[in-house]
């Protein structure tokens, strides 16, 4: 992912959840259906972007990704929340609903 496309994504007024993952990561596979459920419940109020850390190592390093999955929520260029490890639907919805009210 280029720096300019990343900046375009995180500078959105719509909250963006970034999912830093890898194909070989078991917990990342467990997180995927939770994110699908979140998207189906929140629809166009949010955007979810999956970022493969193996293909985007400079970006992952710049953002301090040390373990995966790591989820971050950005809105208007600001990091609003970050969580490491598998996050449940309730936590994610709670964090995002604060931003879409």
Protein backbone atom coordinates (compact mmCIF):
# COMPACT_ATOMS: atom_id res chain seq x y z
CA UNK A 1 0.00 0.00 0.00
CA UNK A 2 1.41 3.37 -0.94
CA UNK A 3 1.79 6.13 1.63
CA UNK A 4 -0.64 8.36 -0.30
CA UNK A 5 -3.35 5.69 -0.51
CA UNK A 6 -2.91 4.94 3.22
CA UNK A 7 -3.25 8.66 4.02
CA UNK A 8 -6.37 8.88 1.84
CA UNK A 9 -7.89 5.96 3.75
CA UNK A 10 -7.19 7.23 7.28
CA UNK A 11 -8.15 10.84 6.53
CA UNK A 12 -11.73 9.83 5.77
CA UNK A 13 -14.56 11.36 7.82
CA UNK A 14 -16.03 7.85 7.93
CA UNK A 15 -14.41 5.75 10.69
CA UNK A 16 -11.93 3.25 9.21
CA UNK A 17 -11.02 0.05 11.00
CA UNK A 18 -7.62 -1.26 9.89
CA UNK A 19 -7.09 -4.99 10.33
CA UNK A 20 -3.38 -5.82 10.34
CA UNK A 21 -3.14 -9.55 9.63
CA UNK A 22 -1.21 -12.31 7.83
CA UNK A 23 -2.40 -15.38 5.93
CA UNK A 24 -0.48 -17.72 8.27
CA UNK A 25 -1.95 -16.20 11.47
CA UNK A 26 -4.51 -18.43 13.20
CA UNK A 27 -6.01 -15.73 15.46
CA UNK A 28 -6.34 -13.47 12.39
CA UNK A 29 -8.54 -16.14 10.80
CA UNK A 30 -10.69 -16.13 13.96
CA UNK A 31 -11.02 -12.32 13.74
CA UNK A 32 -12.25 -12.33 10.11
CA UNK A 33 -15.86 -13.52 10.71
CA UNK A 34 -16.22 -11.03 13.58
CA UNK A 35 -15.25 -8.22 11.21
CA UNK A 36 -17.71 -9.50 8.60
CA UNK A 37 -20.46 -9.48 11.21
CA UNK A 38 -19.46 -5.96 12.29
CA UNK A 39 -19.63 -4.71 8.70
CA UNK A 40 -23.03 -6.33 8.14
CA UNK A 41 -24.39 -4.65 11.28
CA UNK A 42 -22.87 -1.19 10.74
CA UNK A 43 -22.97 -1.03 6.94
CA UNK A 44 -21.81 2.18 5.28
CA UNK A 45 -21.24 3.94 8.61
CA UNK A 46 -17.77 2.35 8.73
CA UNK A 47 -15.05 1.08 6.43
CA UNK A 48 -12.89 -1.98 7.11
CA UNK A 49 -9.50 -2.28 5.41
CA UNK A 50 -7.42 -5.45 5.69
CA UNK A 51 -3.65 -4.91 5.57
CA UNK A 52 -1.34 -7.91 5.15
CA UNK A 53 1.73 -7.20 7.30
CA UNK A 54 3.94 -9.43 5.13
CA UNK A 55 3.13 -7.34 2.05
CA UNK A 56 3.18 -4.00 3.88
CA UNK A 57 6.13 -4.30 6.27
CA UNK A 58 7.21 -0.62 6.11
CA UNK A 59 3.70 0.54 7.05
CA UNK A 60 3.35 -2.05 9.82
CA UNK A 61 6.74 -1.02 11.20
CA UNK A 62 5.90 2.69 11.05
CA UNK A 63 2.68 2.10 13.01
CA UNK A 64 4.43 -0.08 15.60
CA UNK A 65 2.65 -3.34 14.79
CA UNK A 66 4.32 -5.94 17.02
CA UNK A 67 1.71 -8.70 17.05
CA UNK A 68 -1.23 -9.68 14.91
CA UNK A 69 -4.05 -9.31 14.64
CA UNK A 70 -3.83 -5.64 15.52
CA UNK A 71 -6.87 -3.50 14.87
CA UNK A 72 -6.80 0.29 14.67
CA UNK A 73 -9.61 2.77 14.17
CA UNK A 74 -8.84 6.04 12.40
CA UNK A 75 -11.11 8.97 11.66
CA UNK A 76 -10.09 12.25 10.01
CA UNK A 77 -6.42 11.25 10.23
CA UNK A 78 -6.47 10.57 13.99
CA UNK A 79 -5.94 7.19 15.62
CA UNK A 80 -9.00 6.81 17.83
CA UNK A 81 -8.46 3.28 19.16
CA UNK A 82 -6.12 0.30 18.93
CA UNK A 83 -6.42 -3.30 20.09
CA UNK A 84 -4.10 -6.28 19.83
CA UNK A 85 -5.29 -9.86 19.60
CA UNK A 86 -8.76 -11.05 18.65
CA UNK A 87 -11.35 -8.41 19.58
CA UNK A 88 -14.98 -9.30 20.16
CA UNK A 89 -17.89 -7.74 18.31
CA UNK A 90 -19.14 -5.82 21.36
CA UNK A 91 -15.87 -3.96 21.91
CA UNK A 92 -15.51 -3.05 18.24
CA UNK A 93 -19.12 -1.84 17.95
CA UNK A 94 -18.77 0.22 21.12
CA UNK A 95 -15.64 1.96 19.84
CA UNK A 96 -17.10 2.64 16.39
CA UNK A 97 -20.54 3.77 17.56
CA UNK A 98 -18.89 6.59 19.55
CA UNK A 99 -17.54 7.93 16.25
CA UNK A 100 -20.66 7.65 14.09
CA UNK A 101 -23.16 9.34 16.42
